[in-house]
């Protein structure tokens, strides 16, 4: 392995290093009963127990927002982006450059203002 230029002596030391890396939010597994679309010989719809592996979505978002690698590429407010300095050619390439985000934010703001007690 040394001839290849990697810093590991063998596959075991490589895997040990991989296991020591930060993995983010923890995984949980639950077994669920799934109803299929195949009818068995007895006329009943077949069912199967399967494993559902998942992570807490709130923890995943917290991880992404708190990750310094993404600090300069995260957008928290909608903006209009233009391909030219005069602002004549609008760019729609990310969610924050589209109309949906602006419209949703304005709609939510007005809805919350109506809910606020006076």
PDB file of N, CA and C in Angstrom:
ATOM      1  N   UNK A   1       0.823  -1.188   0.000  1.00  0.00           N
ATOM      2  CA  UNK A   1       0.000   0.000   0.000  1.00  0.00           C
ATOM      3  C   UNK A   1       0.868   1.254   0.000  1.00  0.00           C
ATOM      4  N   UNK A   2       2.058   1.181   0.532  1.00  0.00           N
ATOM      5  CA  UNK A   2       2.933   2.354   0.575  1.00  0.00           C
ATOM      6  C   UNK A   2       3.288   2.819  -0.835  1.00  0.00           C
ATOM      7  N   UNK A   3       3.422   1.905  -1.771  1.00  0.00           N
ATOM      8  CA  UNK A   3       3.766   2.281  -3.137  1.00  0.00           C
ATOM      9  C   UNK A   3       2.681   3.124  -3.792  1.00  0.00           C
ATOM     10  N   UNK A   4       1.464   2.973  -3.343  1.00  0.00           N
ATOM     11  CA  UNK A   4       0.361   3.717  -3.941  1.00  0.00           C
ATOM     12  C   UNK A   4       0.288   5.157  -3.439  1.00  0.00           C
ATOM     13  N   UNK A   5       1.062   5.507  -2.412  1.00  0.00           N
ATOM     14  CA  UNK A   5       1.081   6.867  -1.913  1.00  0.00           C
ATOM     15  C   UNK A   5       0.095   7.153  -0.789  1.00  0.00           C
ATOM     16  N   UNK A   6      -0.630   6.142  -0.320  1.00  0.00           N
ATOM     17  CA  UNK A   6      -1.572   6.354   0.778  1.00  0.00           C
ATOM     18  C   UNK A   6      -0.824   6.221   2.103  1.00  0.00           C
ATOM     19  N   UNK A   7      -1.412   6.776   3.147  1.00  0.00           N
ATOM     20  CA  UNK A   7      -0.736   6.793   4.445  1.00  0.00           C
ATOM     21  C   UNK A   7      -1.155   5.646   5.354  1.00  0.00           C
ATOM     22  N   UNK A   8      -1.661   4.570   4.818  1.00  0.00           N
ATOM     23  CA  UNK A   8      -2.114   3.439   5.620  1.00  0.00           C
ATOM     24  C   UNK A   8      -1.265   2.213   5.303  1.00  0.00           C
ATOM     25  N   UNK A   9      -0.979   1.442   6.347  1.00  0.00           N
ATOM     26  CA  UNK A   9      -0.157   0.253   6.162  1.00  0.00           C
ATOM     27  C   UNK A   9      -0.937  -0.902   5.547  1.00  0.00           C
ATOM     28  N   UNK A  10      -2.235  -0.978   5.904  1.00  0.00           N
ATOM     29  CA  UNK A  10      -3.039  -2.096   5.427  1.00  0.00           C
ATOM     30  C   UNK A  10      -4.516  -1.705   5.461  1.00  0.00           C
ATOM     31  N   UNK A  11      -5.348  -2.578   4.983  1.00  0.00           N
ATOM     32  CA  UNK A  11      -6.787  -2.300   4.926  1.00  0.00           C
ATOM     33  C   UNK A  11      -7.380  -2.128   6.320  1.00  0.00           C
ATOM     34  N   UNK A  12      -6.864  -2.882   7.294  1.00  0.00           N
ATOM     35  CA  UNK A  12      -7.377  -2.776   8.659  1.00  0.00           C
ATOM     36  C   UNK A  12      -7.135  -1.381   9.228  1.00  0.00           C
ATOM     37  N   UNK A  13      -5.929  -0.821   9.042  1.00  0.00           N
ATOM     38  CA  UNK A  13      -5.653   0.519   9.569  1.00  0.00           C
ATOM     39  C   UNK A  13      -6.482   1.574   8.825  1.00  0.00           C
ATOM     40  N   UNK A  14      -6.719   1.339   7.551  1.00  0.00           N
ATOM     41  CA  UNK A  14      -7.576   2.253   6.778  1.00  0.00           C
ATOM     42  C   UNK A  14      -8.998   2.251   7.327  1.00  0.00           C
ATOM     43  N   UNK A  15      -9.552   1.051   7.532  1.00  0.00           N
ATOM     44  CA  UNK A  15     -10.918   0.944   8.051  1.00  0.00           C
ATOM     45  C   UNK A  15     -11.031   1.483   9.472  1.00  0.00           C
ATOM     46  N   UNK A  16      -9.979   1.299  10.268  1.00  0.00           N
ATOM     47  CA  UNK A  16      -9.972   1.841  11.623  1.00  0.00           C
ATOM     48  C   UNK A  16     -10.043   3.372  11.575  1.00  0.00           C
ATOM     49  N   UNK A  17      -9.324   3.953  10.650  1.00  0.00           N
ATOM     50  CA  UNK A  17      -9.369   5.410  10.481  1.00  0.00           C
ATOM     51  C   UNK A  17     -10.763   5.859  10.029  1.00  0.00           C
ATOM     52  N   UNK A  18     -11.350   5.142   9.098  1.00  0.00           N
ATOM     53  CA  UNK A  18     -12.708   5.458   8.624  1.00  0.00           C
ATOM     54  C   UNK A  18     -13.695   5.413   9.779  1.00  0.00           C
ATOM     55  N   UNK A  19     -13.594   4.401  10.622  1.00  0.00           N
ATOM     56  CA  UNK A  19     -14.502   4.259  11.763  1.00  0.00           C
ATOM     57  C   UNK A  19     -14.357   5.395  12.767  1.00  0.00           C
ATOM     58  N   UNK A  20     -13.218   6.068  12.790  1.00  0.00           N
ATOM     59  CA  UNK A  20     -13.010   7.149  13.747  1.00  0.00           C
ATOM     60  C   UNK A  20     -13.540   8.496  13.250  1.00  0.00           C
ATOM     61  N   UNK A  21     -13.936   8.567  11.997  1.00  0.00           N
ATOM     62  CA  UNK A  21     -14.447   9.821  11.442  1.00  0.00           C
ATOM     63  C   UNK A  21     -15.817  10.162  12.021  1.00  0.00           C
ATOM     64  N   UNK A  22     -16.106  11.441  12.088  1.00  0.00           N
ATOM     65  CA  UNK A  22     -17.401  11.900  12.586  1.00  0.00           C
ATOM     66  C   UNK A  22     -18.490  11.455  11.608  1.00  0.00           C
ATOM     67  N   UNK A  23     -19.587  10.944  12.130  1.00  0.00           N
ATOM     68  CA  UNK A  23     -20.631  10.388  11.263  1.00  0.00           C
ATOM     69  C   UNK A  23     -21.918  11.210  11.239  1.00  0.00           C
ATOM     70  N   UNK A  24     -21.991  12.272  12.026  1.00  0.00           N
ATOM     71  CA  UNK A  24     -23.210  13.082  12.032  1.00  0.00           C
ATOM     72  C   UNK A  24     -24.272  12.488  12.939  1.00  0.00           C
ATOM     73  N   UNK A  25     -25.517  12.903  12.726  1.00  0.00           N
ATOM     74  CA  UNK A  25     -26.618  12.415  13.564  1.00  0.00           C
ATOM     75  C   UNK A  25     -26.707  10.892  13.528  1.00  0.00           C
ATOM     76  N   UNK A  26     -27.143  10.327  14.642  1.00  0.00           N
ATOM     77  CA  UNK A  26     -27.190   8.871  14.744  1.00  0.00           C
ATOM     78  C   UNK A  26     -28.347   8.281  13.928  1.00  0.00           C
ATOM     79  N   UNK A  27     -28.150   7.052  13.533  1.00  0.00           N
ATOM     80  CA  UNK A  27     -29.163   6.303  12.804  1.00  0.00           C
ATOM     81  C   UNK A  27     -30.030   5.547  13.790  1.00  0.00           C
ATOM     82  N   UNK A  28     -31.304   5.412  13.476  1.00  0.00           N
ATOM     83  CA  UNK A  28     -32.188   4.541  14.248  1.00  0.00           C
ATOM     84  C   UNK A  28     -32.852   3.578  13.277  1.00  0.00           C
ATOM     85  N   UNK A  29     -33.209   2.442  13.793  1.00  0.00           N
ATOM     86  CA  UNK A  29     -33.843   1.429  12.951  1.00  0.00           C
ATOM     87  C   UNK A  29     -35.110   0.952  13.641  1.00  0.00           C
ATOM     88  N   UNK A  30     -36.166   0.884  12.861  1.00  0.00           N
ATOM     89  CA  UNK A  30     -37.388   0.285  13.394  1.00  0.00           C
ATOM     90  C   UNK A  30     -37.939  -0.668  12.342  1.00  0.00           C
ATOM     91  N   UNK A  31     -38.582  -1.709  12.824  1.00  0.00           N
ATOM     92  CA  UNK A  31     -39.188  -2.684  11.928  1.00  0.00           C
ATOM     93  C   UNK A  31     -40.644  -2.284  11.718  1.00  0.00           C
ATOM     94  N   UNK A  32     -41.038  -2.201  10.457  1.00  0.00           N
ATOM     95  CA  UNK A  32     -42.420  -1.822  10.148  1.00  0.00           C
ATOM     96  C   UNK A  32     -43.073  -2.899   9.288  1.00  0.00           C
ATOM     97  N   UNK A  33     -44.377  -2.946   9.353  1.00  0.00           N
ATOM     98  CA  UNK A  33     -45.160  -3.902   8.578  1.00  0.00           C
ATOM     99  C   UNK A  33     -45.655  -3.185   7.326  1.00  0.00           C
ATOM    100  N   UNK A  34     -45.309  -3.715   6.156  1.00  0.00           N
ATOM    101  CA  UNK A  34     -45.662  -3.085   4.890  1.00  0.00           C
ATOM    102  C   UNK A  34     -46.664  -3.955   4.142  1.00  0.00           C
ATOM    103  N   UNK A  35     -47.741  -3.332   3.705  1.00  0.00           N
ATOM    104  CA  UNK A  35     -48.751  -4.031   2.918  1.00  0.00           C
ATOM    105  C   UNK A  35     -48.348  -3.920   1.451  1.00  0.00           C
ATOM    106  N   UNK A  36     -48.296  -5.041   0.774  1.00  0.00           N
ATOM    107  CA  UNK A  36     -47.857  -5.052  -0.609  1.00  0.00           C
ATOM    108  C   UNK A  36     -48.993  -4.901  -1.601  1.00  0.00           C
ATOM    109  N   UNK A  37     -48.667  -5.116  -2.874  1.00  0.00           N
ATOM    110  CA  UNK A  37     -49.679  -5.046  -3.928  1.00  0.00           C
ATOM    111  C   UNK A  37     -49.861  -6.396  -4.620  1.00  0.00           C
ATOM    112  N   UNK A  38     -49.360  -7.455  -3.960  1.00  0.00           N
ATOM    113  CA  UNK A  38     -49.475  -8.806  -4.506  1.00  0.00           C
ATOM    114  C   UNK A  38     -50.438  -9.606  -3.628  1.00  0.00           C
ATOM    115  N   UNK A  39     -51.345 -10.302  -4.287  1.00  0.00           N
ATOM    116  CA  UNK A  39     -52.312 -11.135  -3.562  1.00  0.00           C
ATOM    117  C   UNK A  39     -51.772 -12.566  -3.525  1.00  0.00           C
ATOM    118  N   UNK A  40     -51.783 -13.148  -2.348  1.00  0.00           N
ATOM    119  CA  UNK A  40     -51.296 -14.513  -2.173  1.00  0.00           C
ATOM    120  C   UNK A  40     -52.328 -15.540  -2.613  1.00  0.00           C
ATOM    121  N   UNK A  41     -51.942 -16.793  -2.539  1.00  0.00           N
ATOM    122  CA  UNK A  41     -52.827 -17.903  -2.932  1.00  0.00           C
ATOM    123  C   UNK A  41     -54.088 -17.960  -2.072  1.00  0.00           C
ATOM    124  N   UNK A  42     -53.977 -17.444  -0.854  1.00  0.00           N
ATOM    125  CA  UNK A  42     -55.140 -17.462   0.040  1.00  0.00           C
ATOM    126  C   UNK A  42     -56.084 -16.289  -0.207  1.00  0.00           C
ATOM    127  N   UNK A  43     -55.755 -15.432  -1.188  1.00  0.00           N
ATOM    128  CA  UNK A  43     -56.605 -14.289  -1.522  1.00  0.00           C
ATOM    129  C   UNK A  43     -56.315 -13.038  -0.713  1.00  0.00           C
ATOM    130  N   UNK A  44     -55.410 -13.133   0.238  1.00  0.00           N
ATOM    131  CA  UNK A  44     -55.062 -11.970   1.067  1.00  0.00           C
ATOM    132  C   UNK A  44     -53.865 -11.229   0.466  1.00  0.00           C
ATOM    133  N   UNK A  45     -53.872  -9.924   0.666  1.00  0.00           N
ATOM    134  CA  UNK A  45     -52.738  -9.118   0.213  1.00  0.00           C
ATOM    135  C   UNK A  45     -51.524  -9.476   1.059  1.00  0.00           C
ATOM    136  N   UNK A  46     -50.400  -9.688   0.394  1.00  0.00           N
ATOM    137  CA  UNK A  46     -49.192 -10.078   1.117  1.00  0.00           C
ATOM    138  C   UNK A  46     -48.643  -8.890   1.907  1.00  0.00           C
ATOM    139  N   UNK A  47     -48.050  -9.227   3.032  1.00  0.00           N
ATOM    140  CA  UNK A  47     -47.436  -8.227   3.912  1.00  0.00           C
ATOM    141  C   UNK A  47     -45.988  -8.648   4.162  1.00  0.00           C
ATOM    142  N   UNK A  48     -45.188  -7.683   4.521  1.00  0.00           N
ATOM    143  CA  UNK A  48     -43.788  -7.986   4.791  1.00  0.00           C
ATOM    144  C   UNK A  48     -43.283  -7.060   5.894  1.00  0.00           C
ATOM    145  N   UNK A  49     -42.451  -7.603   6.758  1.00  0.00           N
ATOM    146  CA  UNK A  49     -41.817  -6.785   7.795  1.00  0.00           C
ATOM    147  C   UNK A  49     -40.457  -6.357   7.255  1.00  0.00           C
ATOM    148  N   UNK A  50     -40.216  -5.042   7.252  1.00  0.00           N
ATOM    149  CA  UNK A  50     -38.962  -4.509   6.722  1.00  0.00           C
ATOM    150  C   UNK A  50     -38.326  -3.568   7.737  1.00  0.00           C
ATOM    151  N   UNK A  51     -37.018  -3.387   7.597  1.00  0.00           N
ATOM    152  CA  UNK A  51     -36.299  -2.448   8.450  1.00  0.00           C
ATOM    153  C   UNK A  51     -36.341  -1.063   7.815  1.00  0.00           C
ATOM    154  N   UNK A  52     -36.656  -0.068   8.623  1.00  0.00           N
ATOM    155  CA  UNK A  52     -36.629   1.329   8.179  1.00  0.00           C
ATOM    156  C   UNK A  52     -35.509   2.021   8.938  1.00  0.00           C
ATOM    157  N   UNK A  53     -34.438   2.362   8.220  1.00  0.00           N
ATOM    158  CA  UNK A  53     -33.311   3.074   8.807  1.00  0.00           C
ATOM    159  C   UNK A  53     -33.513   4.553   8.532  1.00  0.00           C
ATOM    160  N   UNK A  54     -33.356   5.367   9.580  1.00  0.00           N
ATOM    161  CA  UNK A  54     -33.585   6.797   9.399  1.00  0.00           C
ATOM    162  C   UNK A  54     -32.767   7.609  10.388  1.00  0.00           C
ATOM    163  N   UNK A  55     -32.682   8.896  10.067  1.00  0.00           N
ATOM    164  CA  UNK A  55     -32.069   9.881  10.956  1.00  0.00           C
ATOM    165  C   UNK A  55     -33.107  10.938  11.269  1.00  0.00           C
ATOM    166  N   UNK A  56     -32.957  11.593  12.400  1.00  0.00           N
ATOM    167  CA  UNK A  56     -33.862  12.666  12.790  1.00  0.00           C
ATOM    168  C   UNK A  56     -33.630  13.841  11.834  1.00  0.00           C
ATOM    169  N   UNK A  57     -34.632  14.255  11.067  1.00  0.00           N
ATOM    170  CA  UNK A  57     -34.431  15.331  10.087  1.00  0.00           C
ATOM    171  C   UNK A  57     -34.033  16.658  10.730  1.00  0.00           C
ATOM    172  N   UNK A  58     -34.510  16.940  11.932  1.00  0.00           N
ATOM    173  CA  UNK A  58     -34.130  18.188  12.605  1.00  0.00           C
ATOM    174  C   UNK A  58     -32.640  18.157  12.936  1.00  0.00           C
ATOM    175  N   UNK A  59     -32.152  17.025  13.414  1.00  0.00           N
ATOM    176  CA  UNK A  59     -30.724  16.892  13.703  1.00  0.00           C
ATOM    177  C   UNK A  59     -29.895  17.023  12.429  1.00  0.00           C
ATOM    178  N   UNK A  60     -30.397  16.505  11.319  1.00  0.00           N
ATOM    179  CA  UNK A  60     -29.677  16.615  10.045  1.00  0.00           C
ATOM    180  C   UNK A  60     -29.587  18.072   9.596  1.00  0.00           C
ATOM    181  N   UNK A  61     -30.678  18.818   9.719  1.00  0.00           N
ATOM    182  CA  UNK A  61     -30.666  20.231   9.343  1.00  0.00           C
ATOM    183  C   UNK A  61     -29.724  21.006  10.255  1.00  0.00           C
ATOM    184  N   UNK A  62     -29.772  20.721  11.556  1.00  0.00           N
ATOM    185  CA  UNK A  62     -28.855  21.377  12.497  1.00  0.00           C
ATOM    186  C   UNK A  62     -27.407  21.098  12.118  1.00  0.00           C
ATOM    187  N   UNK A  63     -27.133  19.867  11.735  1.00  0.00           N
ATOM    188  CA  UNK A  63     -25.785  19.485  11.332  1.00  0.00           C
ATOM    189  C   UNK A  63     -25.344  20.268  10.092  1.00  0.00           C
ATOM    190  N   UNK A  64     -26.207  20.357   9.103  1.00  0.00           N
ATOM    191  CA  UNK A  64     -25.860  21.073   7.877  1.00  0.00           C
ATOM    192  C   UNK A  64     -25.655  22.564   8.130  1.00  0.00           C
ATOM    193  N   UNK A  65     -26.564  23.179   8.879  1.00  0.00           N
ATOM    194  CA  UNK A  65     -26.460  24.613   9.149  1.00  0.00           C
ATOM    195  C   UNK A  65     -25.235  24.920  10.005  1.00  0.00           C
ATOM    196  N   UNK A  66     -24.901  24.020  10.930  1.00  0.00           N
ATOM    197  CA  UNK A  66     -23.763  24.246  11.807  1.00  0.00           C
ATOM    198  C   UNK A  66     -22.422  23.835  11.232  1.00  0.00           C
ATOM    199  N   UNK A  67     -22.407  23.238  10.048  1.00  0.00           N
ATOM    200  CA  UNK A  67     -21.164  22.766   9.445  1.00  0.00           C
ATOM    201  C   UNK A  67     -20.401  23.936   8.829  1.00  0.00           C
ATOM    202  N   UNK A  68     -19.188  24.236   9.300  1.00  0.00           N
ATOM    203  CA  UNK A  68     -18.427  25.370   8.764  1.00  0.00           C
ATOM    204  C   UNK A  68     -18.113  25.253   7.272  1.00  0.00           C
ATOM    205  N   UNK A  69     -18.102  24.039   6.747  1.00  0.00           N
ATOM    206  CA  UNK A  69     -17.817  23.865   5.317  1.00  0.00           C
ATOM    207  C   UNK A  69     -18.890  24.499   4.442  1.00  0.00           C
ATOM    208  N   UNK A  70     -20.105  24.681   4.986  1.00  0.00           N
ATOM    209  CA  UNK A  70     -21.205  25.245   4.211  1.00  0.00           C
ATOM    210  C   UNK A  70     -21.487  26.708   4.542  1.00  0.00           C
ATOM    211  N   UNK A  71     -20.713  27.284   5.459  1.00  0.00           N
ATOM    212  CA  UNK A  71     -20.977  28.628   5.967  1.00  0.00           C
ATOM    213  C   UNK A  71     -21.165  29.664   4.850  1.00  0.00           C
ATOM    214  N   UNK A  72     -20.315  29.640   3.847  1.00  0.00           N
ATOM    215  CA  UNK A  72     -20.362  30.664   2.801  1.00  0.00           C
ATOM    216  C   UNK A  72     -21.263  30.316   1.624  1.00  0.00           C
ATOM    217  N   UNK A  73     -21.907  29.160   1.661  1.00  0.00           N
ATOM    218  CA  UNK A  73     -22.756  28.770   0.534  1.00  0.00           C
ATOM    219  C   UNK A  73     -24.206  28.539   0.933  1.00  0.00           C
ATOM    220  N   UNK A  74     -24.551  28.888   2.164  1.00  0.00           N
ATOM    221  CA  UNK A  74     -25.935  28.739   2.626  1.00  0.00           C
ATOM    222  C   UNK A  74     -26.679  30.045   2.391  1.00  0.00           C
ATOM    223  N   UNK A  75     -27.927  29.949   1.994  1.00  0.00           N
ATOM    224  CA  UNK A  75     -28.776  31.118   1.805  1.00  0.00           C
ATOM    225  C   UNK A  75     -29.934  31.040   2.786  1.00  0.00           C
ATOM    226  N   UNK A  76     -30.189  32.147   3.481  1.00  0.00           N
ATOM    227  CA  UNK A  76     -31.250  32.172   4.479  1.00  0.00           C
ATOM    228  C   UNK A  76     -32.388  33.107   4.100  1.00  0.00           C
ATOM    229  N   UNK A  77     -32.183  33.903   3.082  1.00  0.00           N
ATOM    230  CA  UNK A  77     -33.218  34.820   2.602  1.00  0.00           C
ATOM    231  C   UNK A  77     -33.249  34.765   1.081  1.00  0.00           C
ATOM    232  N   UNK A  78     -34.410  35.025   0.493  1.00  0.00           N
ATOM    233  CA  UNK A  78     -34.470  35.040  -0.964  1.00  0.00           C
ATOM    234  C   UNK A  78     -33.757  36.267  -1.526  1.00  0.00           C
ATOM    235  N   UNK A  79     -33.165  36.102  -2.688  1.00  0.00           N
ATOM    236  CA  UNK A  79     -32.502  37.202  -3.393  1.00  0.00           C
ATOM    237  C   UNK A  79     -32.721  37.043  -4.881  1.00  0.00           C
ATOM    238  N   UNK A  80     -32.653  38.154  -5.568  1.00  0.00           N
ATOM    239  CA  UNK A  80     -32.679  38.096  -7.027  1.00  0.00           C
ATOM    240  C   UNK A  80     -31.240  38.124  -7.511  1.00  0.00           C
ATOM    241  N   UNK A  81     -30.902  37.186  -8.370  1.00  0.00           N
ATOM    242  CA  UNK A  81     -29.551  37.101  -8.928  1.00  0.00           C
ATOM    243  C   UNK A  81     -29.630  37.418 -10.415  1.00  0.00           C
ATOM    244  N   UNK A  82     -28.627  38.138 -10.880  1.00  0.00           N
ATOM    245  CA  UNK A  82     -28.612  38.555 -12.287  1.00  0.00           C
ATOM    246  C   UNK A  82     -27.298  38.160 -12.936  1.00  0.00           C
ATOM    247  N   UNK A  83     -27.367  37.871 -14.236  1.00  0.00           N
ATOM    248  CA  UNK A  83     -26.193  37.472 -14.998  1.00  0.00           C
ATOM    249  C   UNK A  83     -25.406  38.678 -15.482  1.00  0.00           C
ATOM    250  N   UNK A  84     -25.990  39.869 -15.416  1.00  0.00           N
ATOM    251  CA  UNK A  84     -25.338  41.073 -15.919  1.00  0.00           C
ATOM    252  C   UNK A  84     -25.406  42.198 -14.885  1.00  0.00           C
ATOM    253  N   UNK A  85     -24.497  43.143 -14.952  1.00  0.00           N
ATOM    254  CA  UNK A  85     -24.474  44.244 -13.974  1.00  0.00           C
ATOM    255  C   UNK A  85     -25.701  45.152 -14.018  1.00  0.00           C
ATOM    256  N   UNK A  86     -26.367  45.257 -15.164  1.00  0.00           N
ATOM    257  CA  UNK A  86     -27.548  46.117 -15.284  1.00  0.00           C
ATOM    258  C   UNK A  86     -28.799  45.484 -14.673  1.00  0.00           C
ATOM    259  N   UNK A  87     -28.746  44.206 -14.381  1.00  0.00           N
ATOM    260  CA  UNK A  87     -29.893  43.519 -13.801  1.00  0.00           C
ATOM    261  C   UNK A  87     -31.001  43.257 -14.796  1.00  0.00           C
ATOM    262  N   UNK A  88     -30.637  42.967 -16.039  1.00  0.00           N
ATOM    263  CA  UNK A  88     -31.631  42.707 -17.084  1.00  0.00           C
ATOM    264  C   UNK A  88     -31.862  41.218 -17.309  1.00  0.00           C
ATOM    265  N   UNK A  89     -30.877  40.393 -17.008  1.00  0.00           N
ATOM    266  CA  UNK A  89     -30.974  38.947 -17.249  1.00  0.00           C
ATOM    267  C   UNK A  89     -30.958  38.207 -15.924  1.00  0.00           C
ATOM    268  N   UNK A  90     -32.151  37.858 -15.458  1.00  0.00           N
ATOM    269  CA  UNK A  90     -32.288  37.207 -14.162  1.00  0.00           C
ATOM    270  C   UNK A  90     -31.867  35.747 -14.234  1.00  0.00           C
ATOM    271  N   UNK A  91     -31.238  35.281 -13.165  1.00  0.00           N
ATOM    272  CA  UNK A  91     -30.797  33.893 -13.053  1.00  0.00           C
ATOM    273  C   UNK A  91     -31.723  33.168 -12.072  1.00  0.00           C
ATOM    274  N   UNK A  92     -32.211  32.020 -12.489  1.00  0.00           N
ATOM    275  CA  UNK A  92     -32.998  31.136 -11.626  1.00  0.00           C
ATOM    276  C   UNK A  92     -32.243  29.823 -11.556  1.00  0.00           C
ATOM    277  N   UNK A  93     -31.405  29.654 -10.535  1.00  0.00           N
ATOM    278  CA  UNK A  93     -30.639  28.415 -10.469  1.00  0.00           C
ATOM    279  C   UNK A  93     -30.638  27.759  -9.093  1.00  0.00           C
ATOM    280  N   UNK A  94     -31.059  28.463  -8.084  1.00  0.00           N
ATOM    281  CA  UNK A  94     -31.145  27.915  -6.741  1.00  0.00           C
ATOM    282  C   UNK A  94     -32.503  28.291  -6.175  1.00  0.00           C
ATOM    283  N   UNK A  95     -32.933  27.599  -5.136  1.00  0.00           N
ATOM    284  CA  UNK A  95     -34.244  27.876  -4.559  1.00  0.00           C
ATOM    285  C   UNK A  95     -34.347  29.327  -4.103  1.00  0.00           C
ATOM    286  N   UNK A  96     -33.277  29.879  -3.557  1.00  0.00           N
ATOM    287  CA  UNK A  96     -33.318  31.242  -3.036  1.00  0.00           C
ATOM    288  C   UNK A  96     -33.368  32.304  -4.139  1.00  0.00           C
ATOM    289  N   UNK A  97     -33.173  31.930  -5.407  1.00  0.00           N
ATOM    290  CA  UNK A  97     -33.243  32.908  -6.505  1.00  0.00           C
ATOM    291  C   UNK A  97     -34.613  32.923  -7.173  1.00  0.00           C
ATOM    292  N   UNK A  98     -35.494  32.023  -6.799  1.00  0.00           N
ATOM    293  CA  UNK A  98     -36.808  31.944  -7.436  1.00  0.00           C
ATOM    294  C   UNK A  98     -37.854  32.783  -6.750  1.00  0.00           C
ATOM    295  N   UNK A  99     -39.031  32.796  -7.322  1.00  0.00           N
ATOM    296  CA  UNK A  99     -40.147  33.572  -6.771  1.00  0.00           C
ATOM    297  C   UNK A  99     -40.818  32.869  -5.608  1.00  0.00           C
ATOM    298  N   UNK A 100     -40.808  31.527  -5.607  1.00  0.00           N
ATOM    299  CA  UNK A 100     -41.528  30.770  -4.588  1.00  0.00           C
ATOM    300  C   UNK A 100     -41.111  31.180  -3.183  1.00  0.00           C
ATOM    301  N   UNK A 101     -39.802  31.268  -2.931  1.00  0.00           N
ATOM    302  CA  UNK A 101     -39.319  31.579  -1.599  1.00  0.00           C
ATOM    303  C   UNK A 101     -39.795  32.957  -1.158  1.00  0.00           C
ATOM    304  N   UNK A 102     -39.688  33.944  -2.043  1.00  0.00           N
ATOM    305  CA  UNK A 102     -40.138  35.302  -1.708  1.00  0.00           C
ATOM    306  C   UNK A 102     -41.633  35.317  -1.415  1.00  0.00           C
ATOM    307  N   UNK A 103     -42.405  34.682  -2.273  1.00  0.00           N
ATOM    308  CA  UNK A 103     -43.858  34.660  -2.090  1.00  0.00           C
ATOM    309  C   UNK A 103     -44.242  33.947  -0.795  1.00  0.00           C
ATOM    310  N   UNK A 104     -43.576  32.844  -0.497  1.00  0.00           N
ATOM    311  CA  UNK A 104     -43.867  32.090   0.720  1.00  0.00           C
ATOM    312  C   UNK A 104     -43.486  32.892   1.958  1.00  0.00           C
ATOM    313  N   UNK A 105     -42.350  33.558   1.901  1.00  0.00           N
ATOM    314  CA  UNK A 105     -41.908  34.336   3.060  1.00  0.00           C
ATOM    315  C   UNK A 105     -42.862  35.502   3.324  1.00  0.00           C
ATOM    316  N   UNK A 106     -43.289  36.187   2.277  1.00  0.00           N
ATOM    317  CA  UNK A 106     -44.227  37.299   2.443  1.00  0.00           C
ATOM    318  C   UNK A 106     -45.563  36.780   2.957  1.00  0.00           C
ATOM    319  N   UNK A 107     -46.043  35.686   2.396  1.00  0.00           N
ATOM    320  CA  UNK A 107     -47.312  35.096   2.817  1.00  0.00           C
ATOM    321  C   UNK A 107     -47.263  34.689   4.286  1.00  0.00           C
ATOM    322  N   UNK A 108     -46.179  34.058   4.703  1.00  0.00           N
ATOM    323  CA  UNK A 108     -46.029  33.636   6.091  1.00  0.00           C
ATOM    324  C   UNK A 108     -45.965  34.844   7.018  1.00  0.00           C
ATOM    325  N   UNK A 109     -45.246  35.873   6.610  1.00  0.00           N
ATOM    326  CA  UNK A 109     -45.127  37.085   7.422  1.00  0.00           C
ATOM    327  C   UNK A 109     -46.510  37.688   7.677  1.00  0.00           C
ATOM    328  N   UNK A 110     -47.310  37.819   6.624  1.00  0.00           N
ATOM    329  CA  UNK A 110     -48.645  38.404   6.775  1.00  0.00           C
ATOM    330  C   UNK A 110     -49.560  37.501   7.608  1.00  0.00           C
ATOM    331  N   UNK A 111     -49.440  36.202   7.436  1.00  0.00           N
ATOM    332  CA  UNK A 111     -50.249  35.270   8.210  1.00  0.00           C
ATOM    333  C   UNK A 111     -49.897  35.371   9.703  1.00  0.00           C
ATOM    334  N   UNK A 112     -48.632  35.472  10.005  1.00  0.00           N
ATOM    335  CA  UNK A 112     -48.211  35.603  11.401  1.00  0.00           C
ATOM    336  C   UNK A 112     -48.647  36.932  12.004  1.00  0.00           C
ATOM    337  N   UNK A 113     -48.638  37.992  11.229  1.00  0.00           N
ATOM    338  CA  UNK A 113     -49.076  39.293  11.729  1.00  0.00           C
ATOM    339  C   UNK A 113     -50.567  39.263  12.076  1.00  0.00           C
ATOM    340  N   UNK A 114     -51.361  38.544  11.262  1.00  0.00           N
ATOM    341  CA  UNK A 114     -52.794  38.444  11.546  1.00  0.00           C
ATOM    342  C   UNK A 114     -53.060  37.634  12.811  1.00  0.00           C
ATOM    343  N   UNK A 115     -52.167  36.689  13.133  1.00  0.00           N
ATOM    344  CA  UNK A 115     -52.335  35.828  14.290  1.00  0.00           C
ATOM    345  C   UNK A 115     -51.892  36.513  15.592  1.00  0.00           C
ATOM    346  N   UNK A 116     -51.054  37.541  15.479  1.00  0.00           N
ATOM    347  CA  UNK A 116     -50.512  38.196  16.665  1.00  0.00           C
ATOM    348  C   UNK A 116     -51.613  38.884  17.448  1.00  0.00           C
ATOM    349  N   UNK A 117     -51.668  38.640  18.750  1.00  0.00           N
ATOM    350  CA  UNK A 117     -52.703  39.317  19.557  1.00  0.00           C
ATOM    351  C   UNK A 117     -52.420  40.815  19.639  1.00  0.00           C
ATOM    352  N   UNK A 118     -53.478  41.607  19.649  1.00  0.00           N
ATOM    353  CA  UNK A 118     -53.303  43.066  19.717  1.00  0.00           C
ATOM    354  C   UNK A 118     -53.539  43.583  21.096  1.00  0.00           C
TER     355      UNK A 118
END
